[in-house]
Amino acid sequence: MREAYHVELEQLADHLAGMSVQVADAMERATRALLEADLSLAEQVISDDSKVDDARAQCEEQAYALLALQAPVATDLRTVLAAIHAAESLERMGDLALHVAKAARRRHPEPVLPDSVRPYFAEMGEVAVKLARQVEQVIHSKDIEAAKSIESDDDQVDDIHRHLFTVLMDREWPYGVASAVDVTLLGRFYERYADHAVSVAKRMIFVVTGKMPGYGTDDEI
């Protein structure tokens, strides 16, 4: 019975890791759609979002079944609880990639981003996808140092996000209010995506240590 139980815990981790792959792929495609005004990629992200929602439901159903039927304690209990919270964060990452894709679709065939800010979003997209792929590895490895490095890498997205405000507040901004609103919202989507990756990493630290690292921000999208 215990062996079967631990197989189920491993399957739960596999489902979470699979979600990490899904949301990494979603943000990678959404960023390309944004930068290249690629409608087909945007539509793919939008249509695939339901798969992320289904994956979260599957993770939660399995986690609640383990709580109800196995009454886990100590590390096993932390694993199940962390999985429930991590699945929520991963679904939100998928939602944020969805928001980026919808912005690209809304402005198509015109590009959403002015040329002057495109490099910032290219870099934020690259780092965000990297973070999601690191999360996949941490879910499997439970490597505390690797989990902590995700928070350090998140600082890069935060720095770019802050710099965007400097660009937008420049009196010489020539692209108008609508463009400024688009850039502000899109910057926020990437910043929150990275924050949720950090949240999942912290849940993995909690599984190993029993202590939850402090949070600098809330969990809102």
Foldseek 3Di string as FASTA:
>chain_A
DVVVLVVLLVVLLVLLLVLLVLLLVLLLLLLCCQLVLDLVSLVVLQVCLVVLVVSLVVSLVSLVCCCVPVVDDALSVLSSVLSNLLSVLSSLSSVLSNVSSVQSNVPPPDRLADPVCSVLSVVLSVLLSVLSNLLSVCSVVLDLVSLVVLVVSLVVLVVSLVVLVVVLPDPPPDPDDSSSVSVNSNSVSSNLSSLSSNVSSQSSPCSVPVDRDDDPDDNDD
